[in-house]
N, C-alpha and C. Protein backbone atom coordinates (compact mmCIF):
# COMPACT_ATOMS: atom_id res chain seq x y z
N MET A 1 -74.70 58.40 -104.48
CA MET A 1 -75.26 59.72 -104.33
C MET A 1 -74.15 60.70 -103.95
N MET A 2 -74.12 61.82 -104.62
CA MET A 2 -73.10 62.83 -104.36
C MET A 2 -73.50 63.70 -103.16
N GLU A 3 -72.57 63.88 -102.22
CA GLU A 3 -72.86 64.71 -101.06
C GLU A 3 -72.77 66.18 -101.43
N PRO A 4 -73.59 67.03 -100.79
CA PRO A 4 -73.54 68.46 -101.08
C PRO A 4 -72.20 69.05 -100.69
N SER A 5 -71.76 70.05 -101.42
CA SER A 5 -70.47 70.68 -101.15
C SER A 5 -70.66 71.95 -100.34
N LEU A 6 -69.83 72.11 -99.32
CA LEU A 6 -69.86 73.33 -98.52
C LEU A 6 -68.66 74.20 -98.83
N SER A 7 -67.99 73.89 -99.91
CA SER A 7 -66.82 74.66 -100.30
C SER A 7 -67.22 76.10 -100.60
N PRO A 8 -66.47 77.09 -100.06
CA PRO A 8 -66.80 78.48 -100.35
C PRO A 8 -66.85 78.79 -101.84
N SER A 9 -66.14 78.03 -102.66
CA SER A 9 -66.17 78.29 -104.10
C SER A 9 -67.54 77.96 -104.69
N ALA A 10 -68.35 77.18 -103.97
CA ALA A 10 -69.68 76.83 -104.45
C ALA A 10 -70.73 77.85 -104.02
N TRP A 11 -70.36 78.77 -103.14
CA TRP A 11 -71.32 79.77 -102.65
C TRP A 11 -71.54 80.84 -103.71
N PRO A 12 -72.76 81.35 -103.81
CA PRO A 12 -73.01 82.41 -104.79
C PRO A 12 -72.36 83.72 -104.34
N GLU A 13 -71.99 84.53 -105.30
CA GLU A 13 -71.44 85.85 -105.00
C GLU A 13 -72.59 86.80 -104.75
N LEU A 14 -72.64 87.37 -103.56
CA LEU A 14 -73.71 88.29 -103.21
C LEU A 14 -73.11 89.63 -102.80
N PRO A 15 -73.71 90.72 -103.24
CA PRO A 15 -73.20 92.02 -102.82
C PRO A 15 -73.42 92.22 -101.33
N TYR A 16 -72.56 93.02 -100.70
CA TYR A 16 -72.67 93.29 -99.27
C TYR A 16 -74.07 93.83 -98.96
N GLY A 17 -74.71 93.27 -97.95
CA GLY A 17 -76.03 93.74 -97.54
C GLY A 17 -77.17 93.22 -98.39
N ALA A 18 -76.92 92.24 -99.25
CA ALA A 18 -77.96 91.75 -100.15
C ALA A 18 -79.13 91.13 -99.40
N TRP A 19 -78.87 90.61 -98.22
CA TRP A 19 -79.92 89.95 -97.45
C TRP A 19 -80.63 90.91 -96.49
N ALA A 20 -80.19 92.14 -96.39
CA ALA A 20 -80.75 93.07 -95.40
C ALA A 20 -82.25 93.26 -95.55
N ASP A 21 -82.75 93.31 -96.76
CA ASP A 21 -84.18 93.54 -96.98
C ASP A 21 -85.01 92.27 -96.85
N THR A 22 -84.37 91.11 -96.75
CA THR A 22 -85.12 89.86 -96.68
C THR A 22 -85.17 89.27 -95.28
N CYS A 23 -84.52 89.87 -94.31
CA CYS A 23 -84.53 89.36 -92.94
C CYS A 23 -85.91 89.56 -92.33
N THR A 24 -86.35 88.56 -91.57
CA THR A 24 -87.65 88.64 -90.92
C THR A 24 -87.65 87.76 -89.68
N THR A 25 -88.52 88.06 -88.76
CA THR A 25 -88.68 87.20 -87.58
C THR A 25 -89.77 86.16 -87.81
N ASN A 26 -90.44 86.22 -88.95
CA ASN A 26 -91.47 85.25 -89.29
C ASN A 26 -90.79 84.01 -89.86
N THR A 27 -90.74 82.95 -89.08
CA THR A 27 -89.99 81.75 -89.49
C THR A 27 -90.89 80.63 -90.00
N GLY A 28 -92.17 80.91 -90.20
CA GLY A 28 -93.10 79.86 -90.64
C GLY A 28 -92.68 79.19 -91.93
N ALA A 29 -92.35 79.96 -92.94
CA ALA A 29 -91.96 79.39 -94.23
C ALA A 29 -90.67 78.59 -94.11
N TYR A 30 -89.75 79.08 -93.30
CA TYR A 30 -88.48 78.36 -93.08
C TYR A 30 -88.77 77.00 -92.45
N CYS A 31 -89.61 76.98 -91.42
CA CYS A 31 -89.93 75.73 -90.74
C CYS A 31 -90.62 74.74 -91.67
N GLN A 32 -91.52 75.24 -92.50
CA GLN A 32 -92.22 74.37 -93.45
C GLN A 32 -91.24 73.80 -94.49
N ALA A 33 -90.36 74.63 -94.97
CA ALA A 33 -89.37 74.17 -95.96
C ALA A 33 -88.43 73.15 -95.33
N ARG A 34 -88.00 73.41 -94.11
CA ARG A 34 -87.10 72.48 -93.42
C ARG A 34 -87.77 71.14 -93.20
N ALA A 35 -89.06 71.13 -92.90
CA ALA A 35 -89.79 69.89 -92.68
C ALA A 35 -89.88 69.05 -93.95
N ARG A 36 -89.81 69.69 -95.11
CA ARG A 36 -89.89 68.96 -96.39
C ARG A 36 -88.55 68.36 -96.81
N LEU A 37 -87.46 68.77 -96.19
CA LEU A 37 -86.16 68.23 -96.57
C LEU A 37 -86.02 66.80 -96.08
N PRO A 38 -85.60 65.90 -96.96
CA PRO A 38 -85.43 64.51 -96.54
C PRO A 38 -84.21 64.35 -95.63
N LEU A 39 -84.31 63.43 -94.70
CA LEU A 39 -83.21 63.18 -93.77
C LEU A 39 -81.96 62.74 -94.51
N THR A 40 -82.13 62.12 -95.68
CA THR A 40 -80.97 61.68 -96.47
C THR A 40 -80.17 62.87 -96.99
N THR A 41 -80.77 64.07 -96.99
CA THR A 41 -80.06 65.28 -97.40
C THR A 41 -79.49 66.00 -96.19
N THR A 42 -80.30 66.17 -95.17
CA THR A 42 -79.88 66.97 -94.01
C THR A 42 -78.83 66.28 -93.16
N SER A 43 -78.90 64.97 -93.05
CA SER A 43 -77.94 64.26 -92.21
C SER A 43 -76.51 64.38 -92.74
N PRO A 44 -76.24 64.09 -94.02
CA PRO A 44 -74.87 64.28 -94.53
C PRO A 44 -74.42 65.74 -94.47
N LEU A 45 -75.34 66.66 -94.70
CA LEU A 45 -75.00 68.07 -94.64
C LEU A 45 -74.58 68.48 -93.23
N ALA A 46 -75.34 68.04 -92.23
CA ALA A 46 -74.98 68.33 -90.84
C ALA A 46 -73.64 67.72 -90.48
N ARG A 47 -73.39 66.51 -90.95
CA ARG A 47 -72.11 65.84 -90.67
C ARG A 47 -70.95 66.61 -91.30
N GLN A 48 -71.14 67.06 -92.55
CA GLN A 48 -70.07 67.79 -93.24
C GLN A 48 -69.79 69.13 -92.55
N VAL A 49 -70.83 69.82 -92.12
CA VAL A 49 -70.64 71.08 -91.39
C VAL A 49 -69.87 70.81 -90.10
N GLY A 50 -70.26 69.77 -89.37
CA GLY A 50 -69.57 69.42 -88.13
C GLY A 50 -68.10 69.10 -88.35
N GLU A 51 -67.81 68.38 -89.42
CA GLU A 51 -66.42 68.04 -89.72
C GLU A 51 -65.60 69.28 -90.07
N LEU A 52 -66.21 70.21 -90.81
CA LEU A 52 -65.51 71.45 -91.15
C LEU A 52 -65.23 72.29 -89.91
N VAL A 53 -66.21 72.38 -89.04
CA VAL A 53 -66.04 73.16 -87.80
C VAL A 53 -64.99 72.51 -86.92
N ALA A 54 -65.09 71.21 -86.72
CA ALA A 54 -64.13 70.50 -85.86
C ALA A 54 -62.72 70.56 -86.44
N GLY A 55 -62.60 70.46 -87.76
CA GLY A 55 -61.29 70.51 -88.39
C GLY A 55 -60.62 71.86 -88.28
N GLY A 56 -61.43 72.91 -88.13
CA GLY A 56 -60.88 74.26 -88.02
C GLY A 56 -60.65 74.71 -86.59
N ALA A 57 -60.98 73.87 -85.62
CA ALA A 57 -60.81 74.24 -84.21
C ALA A 57 -59.35 74.14 -83.81
N PRO A 58 -58.78 75.21 -83.25
CA PRO A 58 -57.38 75.15 -82.82
C PRO A 58 -57.21 74.24 -81.61
N ALA A 59 -56.01 73.69 -81.45
CA ALA A 59 -55.72 72.77 -80.35
C ALA A 59 -55.96 73.41 -78.99
N ARG A 60 -55.83 74.73 -78.88
CA ARG A 60 -56.02 75.38 -77.57
C ARG A 60 -57.47 75.30 -77.10
N TRP A 61 -58.39 74.96 -78.00
CA TRP A 61 -59.78 74.79 -77.61
C TRP A 61 -60.03 73.42 -76.98
N HIS A 62 -59.06 72.54 -77.06
CA HIS A 62 -59.21 71.20 -76.48
C HIS A 62 -59.14 71.28 -74.97
N TRP A 63 -59.82 70.35 -74.31
CA TRP A 63 -59.80 70.28 -72.86
C TRP A 63 -59.01 69.04 -72.49
N GLN A 64 -57.89 69.24 -71.82
CA GLN A 64 -56.99 68.16 -71.42
C GLN A 64 -56.65 67.27 -72.62
N GLY A 65 -56.40 67.93 -73.75
CA GLY A 65 -56.00 67.21 -74.96
C GLY A 65 -57.14 66.53 -75.71
N ARG A 66 -58.35 66.75 -75.27
CA ARG A 66 -59.50 66.10 -75.91
C ARG A 66 -60.41 67.13 -76.58
N ARG A 67 -60.99 66.72 -77.69
CA ARG A 67 -61.97 67.58 -78.35
C ARG A 67 -63.24 67.62 -77.51
N VAL A 68 -63.83 68.76 -77.42
CA VAL A 68 -65.06 68.93 -76.64
C VAL A 68 -66.23 69.01 -77.61
N ARG A 69 -67.28 68.27 -77.30
CA ARG A 69 -68.48 68.29 -78.13
C ARG A 69 -69.67 68.61 -77.24
N LEU A 70 -70.40 69.59 -77.64
CA LEU A 70 -71.59 69.99 -76.90
C LEU A 70 -72.79 70.01 -77.83
N VAL A 71 -73.91 69.62 -77.30
CA VAL A 71 -75.16 69.70 -78.05
C VAL A 71 -76.16 70.42 -77.16
N ASP A 72 -76.78 71.44 -77.70
CA ASP A 72 -77.75 72.21 -76.94
C ASP A 72 -79.11 72.06 -77.62
N GLY A 73 -80.03 71.43 -76.94
CA GLY A 73 -81.37 71.24 -77.50
C GLY A 73 -82.39 72.15 -76.84
N THR A 74 -81.94 73.32 -76.44
CA THR A 74 -82.82 74.26 -75.75
C THR A 74 -84.01 74.66 -76.62
N THR A 75 -85.18 74.66 -76.00
CA THR A 75 -86.37 75.17 -76.67
C THR A 75 -87.07 76.13 -75.72
N LEU A 76 -87.85 77.00 -76.27
CA LEU A 76 -88.55 78.00 -75.48
C LEU A 76 -89.91 78.22 -76.12
N ARG A 77 -90.95 78.13 -75.31
CA ARG A 77 -92.31 78.36 -75.81
C ARG A 77 -92.88 79.56 -75.08
N LEU A 78 -93.36 80.50 -75.84
CA LEU A 78 -93.95 81.71 -75.27
C LEU A 78 -95.36 81.89 -75.81
N ALA A 79 -96.18 82.55 -75.02
CA ALA A 79 -97.54 82.85 -75.48
C ALA A 79 -97.47 83.90 -76.58
N ASP A 80 -98.41 83.82 -77.50
CA ASP A 80 -98.50 84.83 -78.55
C ASP A 80 -98.82 86.19 -77.93
N THR A 81 -98.20 87.22 -78.45
CA THR A 81 -98.48 88.57 -77.97
C THR A 81 -98.82 89.45 -79.16
N PRO A 82 -99.69 90.43 -78.95
CA PRO A 82 -100.05 91.30 -80.08
C PRO A 82 -98.92 92.22 -80.48
């Protein structure tokens, strides 16, 4: 199976501000679509993103010569408001 490419050359060319009219705080459709993605797709994609980010981190970001890894699983639940 071929892993997805995150190479900038694979990204579509979009005019500046092309997404401005599509931004919304309604995330229902996003959450539903994300739930339909198989783990066999999202797991390699997450790993590739992590490798790209880690590979681009300058040495000065290291702590005592070690790479630092943080995971934040913060969640917040609020009551619906009109």
